[in-house]
Amino acid sequence: MDRLARIMEYFWLTIGVVSSLWTAWQIHLLGWTPAKVYLWFPMICFAMFFYRRFTRRKMAQWAERKSRESSR
């Protein structure tokens, strides 16, 4: 499960970087006003990346705590 969570973290990070580059290109081509709506894509991707990372770390802490309690 940890491996899948890590893969999904890097997936969202990769999509965030690619969409940031694409958004920068669109702002360059179209100008700020018509292209500012594209900023939502990288923001959502980076938010998902940080949410997934936070959740994975919390679940690892819970699993460690549970294994310590069961070993007593």
PDB file of N, CA and C in Angstrom:
ATOM      1  N   MET A   1       0.827  -1.203   0.000  1.00  0.00           N
ATOM      2  CA  MET A   1       0.000   0.000   0.000  1.00  0.00           C
ATOM      3  C   MET A   1       0.863   1.255   0.000  1.00  0.00           C
ATOM      4  N   ASP A   2       1.970   1.164   0.732  1.00  0.00           N
ATOM      5  CA  ASP A   2       2.865   2.318   0.792  1.00  0.00           C
ATOM      6  C   ASP A   2       3.465   2.611  -0.583  1.00  0.00           C
ATOM      7  N   ARG A   3       3.750   1.549  -1.316  1.00  0.00           N
ATOM      8  CA  ARG A   3       4.332   1.734  -2.659  1.00  0.00           C
ATOM      9  C   ARG A   3       3.346   2.441  -3.582  1.00  0.00           C
ATOM     10  N   LEU A   4       2.086   2.043  -3.542  1.00  0.00           N
ATOM     11  CA  LEU A   4       1.069   2.686  -4.369  1.00  0.00           C
ATOM     12  C   LEU A   4       0.878   4.143  -3.966  1.00  0.00           C
ATOM     13  N   ALA A   5       0.900   4.423  -2.685  1.00  0.00           N
ATOM     14  CA  ALA A   5       0.746   5.805  -2.208  1.00  0.00           C
ATOM     15  C   ALA A   5       1.899   6.669  -2.697  1.00  0.00           C
ATOM     16  N   ARG A   6       3.115   6.115  -2.668  1.00  0.00           N
ATOM     17  CA  ARG A   6       4.281   6.855  -3.152  1.00  0.00           C
ATOM     18  C   ARG A   6       4.196   7.100  -4.657  1.00  0.00           C
ATOM     19  N   ILE A   7       3.748   6.093  -5.392  1.00  0.00           N
ATOM     20  CA  ILE A   7       3.580   6.248  -6.841  1.00  0.00           C
ATOM     21  C   ILE A   7       2.576   7.350  -7.144  1.00  0.00           C
ATOM     22  N   MET A   8       1.477   7.377  -6.404  1.00  0.00           N
ATOM     23  CA  MET A   8       0.471   8.405  -6.635  1.00  0.00           C
ATOM     24  C   MET A   8       0.983   9.793  -6.249  1.00  0.00           C
ATOM     25  N   GLU A   9       1.810   9.878  -5.233  1.00  0.00           N
ATOM     26  CA  GLU A   9       2.423  11.164  -4.881  1.00  0.00           C
ATOM     27  C   GLU A   9       3.232  11.698  -6.054  1.00  0.00           C
ATOM     28  N   TYR A  10       4.095  10.846  -6.593  1.00  0.00           N
ATOM     29  CA  TYR A  10       4.935  11.286  -7.705  1.00  0.00           C
ATOM     30  C   TYR A  10       4.126  11.542  -8.975  1.00  0.00           C
ATOM     31  N   PHE A  11       3.015  10.816  -9.126  1.00  0.00           N
ATOM     32  CA  PHE A  11       2.111  11.081 -10.253  1.00  0.00           C
ATOM     33  C   PHE A  11       1.577  12.509 -10.167  1.00  0.00           C
ATOM     34  N   TRP A  12       1.056  12.883  -9.002  1.00  0.00           N
ATOM     35  CA  TRP A  12       0.504  14.231  -8.842  1.00  0.00           C
ATOM     36  C   TRP A  12       1.575  15.300  -8.948  1.00  0.00           C
ATOM     37  N   LEU A  13       2.771  15.011  -8.450  1.00  0.00           N
ATOM     38  CA  LEU A  13       3.861  15.966  -8.568  1.00  0.00           C
ATOM     39  C   LEU A  13       4.243  16.166 -10.038  1.00  0.00           C
ATOM     40  N   THR A  14       4.318  15.083 -10.785  1.00  0.00           N
ATOM     41  CA  THR A  14       4.660  15.160 -12.212  1.00  0.00           C
ATOM     42  C   THR A  14       3.590  15.919 -12.987  1.00  0.00           C
ATOM     43  N   ILE A  15       2.344  15.600 -12.748  1.00  0.00           N
ATOM     44  CA  ILE A  15       1.250  16.297 -13.432  1.00  0.00           C
ATOM     45  C   ILE A  15       1.244  17.772 -13.044  1.00  0.00           C
ATOM     46  N   GLY A  16       1.556  18.077 -11.809  1.00  0.00           N
ATOM     47  CA  GLY A  16       1.625  19.471 -11.368  1.00  0.00           C
ATOM     48  C   GLY A  16       2.719  20.246 -12.077  1.00  0.00           C
ATOM     49  N   VAL A  17       3.878  19.650 -12.225  1.00  0.00           N
ATOM     50  CA  VAL A  17       4.984  20.320 -12.912  1.00  0.00           C
ATOM     51  C   VAL A  17       4.652  20.508 -14.388  1.00  0.00           C
ATOM     52  N   VAL A  18       4.130  19.456 -15.018  1.00  0.00           N
ATOM     53  CA  VAL A  18       3.780  19.550 -16.444  1.00  0.00           C
ATOM     54  C   VAL A  18       2.686  20.594 -16.659  1.00  0.00           C
ATOM     55  N   SER A  19       1.676  20.591 -15.809  1.00  0.00           N
ATOM     56  CA  SER A  19       0.602  21.569 -15.984  1.00  0.00           C
ATOM     57  C   SER A  19       1.072  22.991 -15.666  1.00  0.00           C
ATOM     58  N   SER A  20       2.060  23.133 -14.783  1.00  0.00           N
ATOM     59  CA  SER A  20       2.625  24.467 -14.525  1.00  0.00           C
ATOM     60  C   SER A  20       3.345  24.994 -15.758  1.00  0.00           C
ATOM     61  N   LEU A  21       4.113  24.128 -16.390  1.00  0.00           N
ATOM     62  CA  LEU A  21       4.798  24.530 -17.620  1.00  0.00           C
ATOM     63  C   LEU A  21       3.802  24.882 -18.718  1.00  0.00           C
ATOM     64  N   TRP A  22       2.761  24.070 -18.835  1.00  0.00           N
ATOM     65  CA  TRP A  22       1.735  24.323 -19.843  1.00  0.00           C
ATOM     66  C   TRP A  22       1.003  25.636 -19.554  1.00  0.00           C
ATOM     67  N   THR A  23       0.713  25.880 -18.296  1.00  0.00           N
ATOM     68  CA  THR A  23       0.037  27.121 -17.909  1.00  0.00           C
ATOM     69  C   THR A  23       0.922  28.329 -18.196  1.00  0.00           C
ATOM     70  N   ALA A  24       2.204  28.210 -17.896  1.00  0.00           N
ATOM     71  CA  ALA A  24       3.119  29.309 -18.199  1.00  0.00           C
ATOM     72  C   ALA A  24       3.152  29.577 -19.705  1.00  0.00           C
ATOM     73  N   TRP A  25       3.141  28.527 -20.483  1.00  0.00           N
ATOM     74  CA  TRP A  25       3.132  28.691 -21.940  1.00  0.00           C
ATOM     75  C   TRP A  25       1.842  29.366 -22.409  1.00  0.00           C
ATOM     76  N   GLN A  26       0.730  28.977 -21.841  1.00  0.00           N
ATOM     77  CA  GLN A  26      -0.555  29.576 -22.213  1.00  0.00           C
ATOM     78  C   GLN A  26      -0.599  31.052 -21.819  1.00  0.00           C
ATOM     79  N   ILE A  27      -0.047  31.389 -20.677  1.00  0.00           N
ATOM     80  CA  ILE A  27      -0.005  32.799 -20.261  1.00  0.00           C
ATOM     81  C   ILE A  27       0.882  33.587 -21.211  1.00  0.00           C
ATOM     82  N   HIS A  28       1.961  32.969 -21.643  1.00  0.00           N
ATOM     83  CA  HIS A  28       2.850  33.628 -22.600  1.00  0.00           C
ATOM     84  C   HIS A  28       2.145  33.858 -23.940  1.00  0.00           C
ATOM     85  N   LEU A  29       1.397  32.874 -24.399  1.00  0.00           N
ATOM     86  CA  LEU A  29       0.726  32.982 -25.706  1.00  0.00           C
ATOM     87  C   LEU A  29      -0.512  33.878 -25.676  1.00  0.00           C
ATOM     88  N   LEU A  30      -1.345  33.676 -24.670  1.00  0.00           N
ATOM     89  CA  LEU A  30      -2.647  34.342 -24.637  1.00  0.00           C
ATOM     90  C   LEU A  30      -2.660  35.637 -23.827  1.00  0.00           C
ATOM     91  N   GLY A  31      -1.731  35.775 -22.901  1.00  0.00           N
ATOM     92  CA  GLY A  31      -1.766  36.897 -21.980  1.00  0.00           C
ATOM     93  C   GLY A  31      -2.379  36.467 -20.666  1.00  0.00           C
ATOM     94  N   TRP A  32      -2.233  37.321 -19.683  1.00  0.00           N
ATOM     95  CA  TRP A  32      -2.656  36.977 -18.327  1.00  0.00           C
ATOM     96  C   TRP A  32      -4.167  36.792 -18.184  1.00  0.00           C
ATOM     97  N   THR A  33      -4.931  37.742 -18.691  1.00  0.00           N
ATOM     98  CA  THR A  33      -6.375  37.735 -18.433  1.00  0.00           C
ATOM     99  C   THR A  33      -7.080  36.483 -18.968  1.00  0.00           C
ATOM    100  N   PRO A  34      -6.909  36.100 -20.230  1.00  0.00           N
ATOM    101  CA  PRO A  34      -7.630  34.902 -20.681  1.00  0.00           C
ATOM    102  C   PRO A  34      -7.041  33.591 -20.163  1.00  0.00           C
ATOM    103  N   ALA A  35      -5.787  33.581 -19.773  1.00  0.00           N
ATOM    104  CA  ALA A  35      -5.147  32.320 -19.385  1.00  0.00           C
ATOM    105  C   ALA A  35      -5.071  32.103 -17.885  1.00  0.00           C
ATOM    106  N   LYS A  36      -5.510  33.039 -17.078  1.00  0.00           N
ATOM    107  CA  LYS A  36      -5.371  32.863 -15.627  1.00  0.00           C
ATOM    108  C   LYS A  36      -6.246  31.732 -15.087  1.00  0.00           C
ATOM    109  N   VAL A  37      -7.265  31.359 -15.829  1.00  0.00           N
ATOM    110  CA  VAL A  37      -8.113  30.245 -15.390  1.00  0.00           C
ATOM    111  C   VAL A  37      -7.324  28.931 -15.378  1.00  0.00           C
ATOM    112  N   TYR A  38      -6.288  28.815 -16.174  1.00  0.00           N
ATOM    113  CA  TYR A  38      -5.480  27.601 -16.230  1.00  0.00           C
ATOM    114  C   TYR A  38      -4.630  27.405 -14.986  1.00  0.00           C
ATOM    115  N   LEU A  39      -4.523  28.389 -14.150  1.00  0.00           N
ATOM    116  CA  LEU A  39      -3.752  28.251 -12.908  1.00  0.00           C
ATOM    117  C   LEU A  39      -4.387  27.260 -11.937  1.00  0.00           C
ATOM    118  N   TRP A  40      -5.672  26.983 -12.122  1.00  0.00           N
ATOM    119  CA  TRP A  40      -6.348  26.025 -11.254  1.00  0.00           C
ATOM    120  C   TRP A  40      -5.757  24.626 -11.385  1.00  0.00           C
ATOM    121  N   PHE A  41      -5.352  24.238 -12.594  1.00  0.00           N
ATOM    122  CA  PHE A  41      -4.836  22.885 -12.811  1.00  0.00           C
ATOM    123  C   PHE A  41      -3.600  22.591 -11.968  1.00  0.00           C
ATOM    124  N   PRO A  42      -2.536  23.397 -12.050  1.00  0.00           N
ATOM    125  CA  PRO A  42      -1.386  23.074 -11.203  1.00  0.00           C
ATOM    126  C   PRO A  42      -1.669  23.226  -9.706  1.00  0.00           C
ATOM    127  N   MET A  43      -2.530  24.160  -9.329  1.00  0.00           N
ATOM    128  CA  MET A  43      -2.845  24.323  -7.907  1.00  0.00           C
ATOM    129  C   MET A  43      -3.514  23.066  -7.361  1.00  0.00           C
ATOM    130  N   ILE A  44      -4.448  22.504  -8.107  1.00  0.00           N
ATOM    131  CA  ILE A  44      -5.132  21.290  -7.661  1.00  0.00           C
ATOM    132  C   ILE A  44      -4.160  20.114  -7.617  1.00  0.00           C
ATOM    133  N   CYS A  45      -3.301  20.009  -8.616  1.00  0.00           N
ATOM    134  CA  CYS A  45      -2.326  18.911  -8.642  1.00  0.00           C
ATOM    135  C   CYS A  45      -1.368  18.986  -7.464  1.00  0.00           C
ATOM    136  N   PHE A  46      -0.857  20.172  -7.171  1.00  0.00           N
ATOM    137  CA  PHE A  46       0.054  20.313  -6.038  1.00  0.00           C
ATOM    138  C   PHE A  46      -0.676  20.109  -4.710  1.00  0.00           C
ATOM    139  N   ALA A  47      -1.929  20.530  -4.633  1.00  0.00           N
ATOM    140  CA  ALA A  47      -2.711  20.282  -3.419  1.00  0.00           C
ATOM    141  C   ALA A  47      -2.906  18.781  -3.220  1.00  0.00           C
ATOM    142  N   MET A  48      -3.178  18.048  -4.289  1.00  0.00           N
ATOM    143  CA  MET A  48      -3.326  16.598  -4.191  1.00  0.00           C
ATOM    144  C   MET A  48      -2.007  15.942  -3.783  1.00  0.00           C
ATOM    145  N   PHE A  49      -0.899  16.438  -4.320  1.00  0.00           N
ATOM    146  CA  PHE A  49       0.412  15.902  -3.946  1.00  0.00           C
ATOM    147  C   PHE A  49       0.653  16.058  -2.454  1.00  0.00           C
ATOM    148  N   PHE A  50       0.434  17.253  -1.914  1.00  0.00           N
ATOM    149  CA  PHE A  50       0.689  17.483  -0.495  1.00  0.00           C
ATOM    150  C   PHE A  50      -0.319  16.746   0.386  1.00  0.00           C
ATOM    151  N   TYR A  51      -1.563  16.635  -0.075  1.00  0.00           N
ATOM    152  CA  TYR A  51      -2.564  15.878   0.675  1.00  0.00           C
ATOM    153  C   TYR A  51      -2.185  14.401   0.743  1.00  0.00           C
ATOM    154  N   ARG A  52      -1.772  13.834  -0.390  1.00  0.00           N
ATOM    155  CA  ARG A  52      -1.371  12.425  -0.430  1.00  0.00           C
ATOM    156  C   ARG A  52      -0.154  12.185   0.466  1.00  0.00           C
ATOM    157  N   ARG A  53       0.812  13.091   0.421  1.00  0.00           N
ATOM    158  CA  ARG A  53       2.019  12.947   1.238  1.00  0.00           C
ATOM    159  C   ARG A  53       1.658  13.002   2.727  1.00  0.00           C
ATOM    160  N   PHE A  54       0.832  13.978   3.105  1.00  0.00           N
ATOM    161  CA  PHE A  54       0.407  14.105   4.497  1.00  0.00           C
ATOM    162  C   PHE A  54      -0.321  12.840   4.949  1.00  0.00           C
ATOM    163  N   THR A  55      -1.225  12.346   4.123  1.00  0.00           N
ATOM    164  CA  THR A  55      -2.005  11.166   4.475  1.00  0.00           C
ATOM    165  C   THR A  55      -1.118   9.934   4.585  1.00  0.00           C
ATOM    166  N   ARG A  56      -0.176   9.756   3.674  1.00  0.00           N
ATOM    167  CA  ARG A  56       0.726   8.604   3.724  1.00  0.00           C
ATOM    168  C   ARG A  56       1.553   8.620   5.005  1.00  0.00           C
ATOM    169  N   ARG A  57       2.061   9.777   5.374  1.00  0.00           N
ATOM    170  CA  ARG A  57       2.867   9.870   6.592  1.00  0.00           C
ATOM    171  C   ARG A  57       2.035   9.603   7.842  1.00  0.00           C
ATOM    172  N   LYS A  58       0.805  10.108   7.861  1.00  0.00           N
ATOM    173  CA  LYS A  58      -0.077   9.858   9.006  1.00  0.00           C
ATOM    174  C   LYS A  58      -0.390   8.373   9.118  1.00  0.00           C
ATOM    175  N   MET A  59      -0.661   7.721   7.999  1.00  0.00           N
ATOM    176  CA  MET A  59      -0.985   6.291   8.030  1.00  0.00           C
ATOM    177  C   MET A  59       0.226   5.476   8.479  1.00  0.00           C
ATOM    178  N   ALA A  60       1.429   5.904   8.099  1.00  0.00           N
ATOM    179  CA  ALA A  60       2.638   5.217   8.559  1.00  0.00           C
ATOM    180  C   ALA A  60       2.794   5.373  10.069  1.00  0.00           C
ATOM    181  N   GLN A  61       2.497   6.539  10.597  1.00  0.00           N
ATOM    182  CA  GLN A  61       2.569   6.755  12.042  1.00  0.00           C
ATOM    183  C   GLN A  61       1.549   5.894  12.767  1.00  0.00           C
ATOM    184  N   TRP A  62       0.334   5.805  12.215  1.00  0.00           N
ATOM    185  CA  TRP A  62      -0.701   4.988  12.833  1.00  0.00           C
ATOM    186  C   TRP A  62      -0.293   3.510  12.833  1.00  0.00           C
ATOM    187  N   ALA A  63       0.261   3.045  11.739  1.00  0.00           N
ATOM    188  CA  ALA A  63       0.681   1.648  11.642  1.00  0.00           C
ATOM    189  C   ALA A  63       1.816   1.361  12.622  1.00  0.00           C
ATOM    190  N   GLU A  64       2.748   2.294  12.752  1.00  0.00           N
ATOM    191  CA  GLU A  64       3.859   2.112  13.684  1.00  0.00           C
ATOM    192  C   GLU A  64       3.352   2.078  15.118  1.00  0.00           C
ATOM    193  N   ARG A  65       2.434   2.986  15.439  1.00  0.00           N
ATOM    194  CA  ARG A  65       1.872   3.023  16.786  1.00  0.00           C
ATOM    195  C   ARG A  65       1.107   1.730  17.090  1.00  0.00           C
ATOM    196  N   LYS A  66       0.373   1.237  16.092  1.00  0.00           N
ATOM    197  CA  LYS A  66      -0.392   0.006  16.289  1.00  0.00           C
ATOM    198  C   LYS A  66       0.529  -1.196  16.480  1.00  0.00           C
ATOM    199  N   SER A  67       1.633  -1.229  15.721  1.00  0.00           N
ATOM    200  CA  SER A  67       2.564  -2.349  15.878  1.00  0.00           C
ATOM    201  C   SER A  67       3.281  -2.286  17.223  1.00  0.00           C
ATOM    202  N   ARG A  68       3.569  -1.086  17.712  1.00  0.00           N
ATOM    203  CA  ARG A  68       4.186  -0.959  19.040  1.00  0.00           C
ATOM    204  C   ARG A  68       3.228  -1.401  20.125  1.00  0.00           C
ATOM    205  N   GLU A  69       1.950  -1.039  19.987  1.00  0.00           N
ATOM    206  CA  GLU A  69       0.956  -1.428  20.999  1.00  0.00           C
ATOM    207  C   GLU A  69       0.723  -2.917  20.978  1.00  0.00           C
ATOM    208  N   SER A  70       0.739  -3.551  19.817  1.00  0.00           N
ATOM    209  CA  SER A  70       0.476  -4.982  19.754  1.00  0.00           C
ATOM    210  C   SER A  70       1.672  -5.812  20.200  1.00  0.00           C
ATOM    211  N   SER A  71       2.874  -5.223  20.173  1.00  0.00           N
ATOM    212  CA  SER A  71       4.061  -5.956  20.596  1.00  0.00           C
ATOM    213  C   SER A  71       4.258  -5.924  22.106  1.00  0.00           C
ATOM    214  N   ARG A  72       3.507  -5.154  22.808  1.00  0.00           N
ATOM    215  CA  ARG A  72       3.631  -5.050  24.273  1.00  0.00           C
ATOM    216  C   ARG A  72       3.104  -6.253  24.960  1.00  0.00           C
TER     217      ARG A  72
END
